[in-house]
Amino acid sequence: MYLLWREILSEHWRMKYLAFFLLLFCWFSPISRARVVHRRTRPAFDPTYSSALAAANRFLHAWQDQDHEAGILMLADSGRQHASPESLQSFFSPGPDAAYEIARGQRLKPDEYAFPLVLFGSASDPHPRSCKLIMVRAGKGDWAAEKLP
């Protein structure tokens, strides 16, 4: 009886060891580690994006520096027609602590981009103001702000 019990017990442990090593093999085998790698797709290079972004930055820098002349020159004709002299004066007089953030722009049309903005420290409203700046191509290599943000 003792021998029979010992054989059953040893066979039971052999099965446990076999199962354990089989699980270890499956866990560490190269096949179980194979995964599908998804590569991030980068957006296609758009050479006009960087020039539109640079123009938006120059326009906002003119706003920050209270440079009325440079800012108004970068405003599109339609933007100048729709803005009163008072609103232009008010916009380009933000105050000494003026700052801005430009988020990633979005192409609206082949020659038009919208840049989400946050304007800080304007003289009329001390709270940050979220808005959009739309830049349109005004000529070869030139960009203009469609309207005041």
Protein backbone atom coordinates (compact mmCIF):
# COMPACT_ATOMS: atom_id res chain seq x y z
CA MET A 1 0.00 0.00 0.00
CA TYR A 2 2.83 2.36 0.87
CA LEU A 3 4.47 1.76 -2.51
CA LEU A 4 1.23 2.28 -4.37
CA TRP A 5 0.62 5.55 -2.53
CA ARG A 6 4.21 6.66 -3.23
CA GLU A 7 3.82 5.96 -6.96
CA ILE A 8 0.55 7.87 -7.16
CA LEU A 9 2.02 10.79 -5.24
CA SER A 10 5.18 10.91 -7.32
CA GLU A 11 3.14 10.71 -10.54
CA HIS A 12 0.97 13.55 -9.26
CA TRP A 13 4.04 15.72 -8.59
CA ARG A 14 5.50 14.83 -11.96
CA MET A 15 2.34 16.11 -13.61
CA LYS A 16 2.52 19.33 -11.59
CA TYR A 17 6.17 19.86 -12.57
CA LEU A 18 5.37 19.12 -16.19
CA ALA A 19 2.49 21.61 -16.16
CA PHE A 20 4.66 24.22 -14.43
CA PHE A 21 7.50 23.93 -16.95
CA LEU A 22 5.06 23.90 -19.85
CA LEU A 23 3.55 27.16 -18.59
CA LEU A 24 7.03 28.66 -18.17
CA PHE A 25 7.95 27.65 -21.68
CA CYS A 26 4.79 29.21 -23.10
CA TRP A 27 5.34 32.39 -21.10
CA PHE A 28 8.93 32.92 -22.25
CA SER A 29 8.72 31.54 -25.76
CA PRO A 30 9.38 33.97 -28.63
CA ILE A 31 6.03 33.15 -30.19
CA SER A 32 4.11 34.34 -27.15
CA ARG A 33 6.10 37.59 -27.13
CA ALA A 34 5.32 38.40 -30.74
CA ARG A 35 3.18 41.48 -30.88
CA VAL A 36 1.88 43.61 -33.66
CA VAL A 37 3.69 46.92 -33.57
CA HIS A 38 1.60 49.87 -34.65
CA ARG A 39 3.71 52.70 -35.92
CA ARG A 40 2.51 56.21 -35.43
CA THR A 41 1.69 57.81 -38.66
CA ARG A 42 3.03 61.29 -38.93
CA PRO A 43 0.97 63.84 -40.77
CA ALA A 44 2.18 64.60 -44.24
CA PHE A 45 4.66 67.45 -44.42
CA ASP A 46 2.95 70.71 -45.32
CA PRO A 47 5.44 73.46 -46.21
CA THR A 48 2.83 76.19 -45.93
CA TYR A 49 2.03 75.32 -42.31
CA SER A 50 5.32 76.59 -40.92
CA SER A 51 5.10 79.88 -42.81
CA ALA A 52 1.50 80.40 -41.62
CA LEU A 53 2.55 79.61 -38.04
CA ALA A 54 5.48 82.03 -38.26
CA ALA A 55 3.16 84.76 -39.56
CA ALA A 56 0.68 84.11 -36.73
CA ASN A 57 3.55 84.39 -34.26
CA ARG A 58 4.69 87.71 -35.79
CA PHE A 59 1.12 89.08 -35.63
CA LEU A 60 0.76 88.10 -31.99
CA HIS A 61 4.20 89.48 -31.19
CA ALA A 62 3.06 92.82 -32.63
CA TRP A 63 0.00 92.59 -30.35
CA GLN A 64 2.19 91.80 -27.34
CA ASP A 65 4.62 94.66 -28.10
CA GLN A 66 1.71 97.05 -28.76
CA ASP A 67 3.09 97.65 -32.25
CA HIS A 68 -0.08 99.02 -33.88
CA GLU A 69 1.54 99.67 -37.25
CA ALA A 70 3.04 96.18 -37.71
CA GLY A 71 -0.13 94.50 -36.46
CA ILE A 72 -2.45 96.49 -38.73
CA LEU A 73 -0.17 95.81 -41.72
CA MET A 74 -0.52 92.07 -41.04
CA LEU A 75 -4.31 92.31 -40.92
CA ALA A 76 -6.09 91.31 -44.13
CA ASP A 77 -8.07 93.95 -46.01
CA SER A 78 -11.36 92.36 -44.97
CA GLY A 79 -10.23 92.43 -41.33
CA ARG A 80 -9.33 96.11 -41.55
CA GLN A 81 -12.69 96.97 -43.14
CA HIS A 82 -14.70 95.18 -40.44
CA ALA A 83 -12.73 96.58 -37.49
CA SER A 84 -13.32 100.09 -36.22
CA PRO A 85 -10.33 102.29 -35.38
CA GLU A 86 -11.36 102.06 -31.71
CA SER A 87 -11.36 98.25 -31.73
CA LEU A 88 -7.95 98.21 -33.46
CA GLN A 89 -6.58 100.65 -30.87
CA SER A 90 -8.04 98.60 -28.03
CA PHE A 91 -6.77 95.29 -29.40
CA PHE A 92 -3.21 96.48 -29.96
CA SER A 93 -3.03 98.01 -26.46
CA PRO A 94 -3.04 94.89 -24.31
CA GLY A 95 -0.94 96.13 -21.40
CA PRO A 96 2.53 95.38 -20.05
CA ASP A 97 1.83 91.76 -18.98
CA ALA A 98 0.43 90.60 -22.32
CA ALA A 99 1.25 87.04 -23.31
CA TYR A 100 -0.13 84.43 -25.68
CA GLU A 101 -0.16 80.70 -26.36
CA ILE A 102 -0.52 79.23 -29.81
CA ALA A 103 -1.79 75.66 -30.11
CA ARG A 104 -1.34 73.36 -33.11
CA GLY A 105 -3.09 74.84 -36.11
CA GLN A 106 -5.54 73.19 -38.44
CA ARG A 107 -5.64 73.52 -42.20
CA LEU A 108 -9.05 74.82 -43.25
CA LYS A 109 -8.35 75.34 -46.95
CA PRO A 110 -5.18 75.11 -49.05
CA ASP A 111 -4.22 78.70 -48.12
CA GLU A 112 -5.97 79.08 -44.77
CA TYR A 113 -5.08 77.90 -41.25
CA ALA A 114 -6.81 78.32 -37.90
CA PHE A 115 -4.65 78.54 -34.77
CA PRO A 116 -6.30 78.19 -31.36
CA LEU A 117 -5.00 80.87 -28.99
CA VAL A 118 -5.11 81.94 -25.40
CA LEU A 119 -4.48 85.63 -24.84
CA PHE A 120 -3.36 86.73 -21.38
CA GLY A 121 -3.21 90.15 -19.75
CA SER A 122 -5.24 92.27 -22.12
CA ALA A 123 -6.10 95.70 -20.79
CA SER A 124 -9.85 95.23 -21.22
CA ASP A 125 -10.06 91.79 -19.57
CA PRO A 126 -7.48 90.44 -17.09
CA HIS A 127 -8.76 86.86 -17.50
CA PRO A 128 -7.26 84.57 -20.17
CA ARG A 129 -9.30 84.62 -23.35
CA SER A 130 -9.53 81.62 -25.70
CA CYS A 131 -10.01 82.43 -29.36
CA LYS A 132 -8.88 81.49 -32.86
CA LEU A 133 -6.58 83.30 -35.22
CA ILE A 134 -7.23 82.56 -38.89
CA MET A 135 -4.30 83.18 -41.18
CA VAL A 136 -4.88 83.45 -44.94
CA ARG A 137 -2.35 83.65 -47.74
CA ALA A 138 -2.16 87.26 -48.90
CA GLY A 139 0.35 86.74 -51.67
CA LYS A 140 3.39 84.68 -52.50
CA GLY A 141 4.94 83.89 -49.13
CA ASP A 142 2.83 86.51 -47.32
CA TRP A 143 0.18 85.71 -44.74
CA ALA A 144 -2.40 87.94 -43.10
CA ALA A 145 -4.74 87.63 -40.14
CA GLU A 146 -8.27 87.36 -41.51
CA LYS A 147 -9.74 89.28 -38.58
CA LEU A 148 -8.89 90.26 -35.04
CA PRO A 149 -8.97 87.24 -32.71
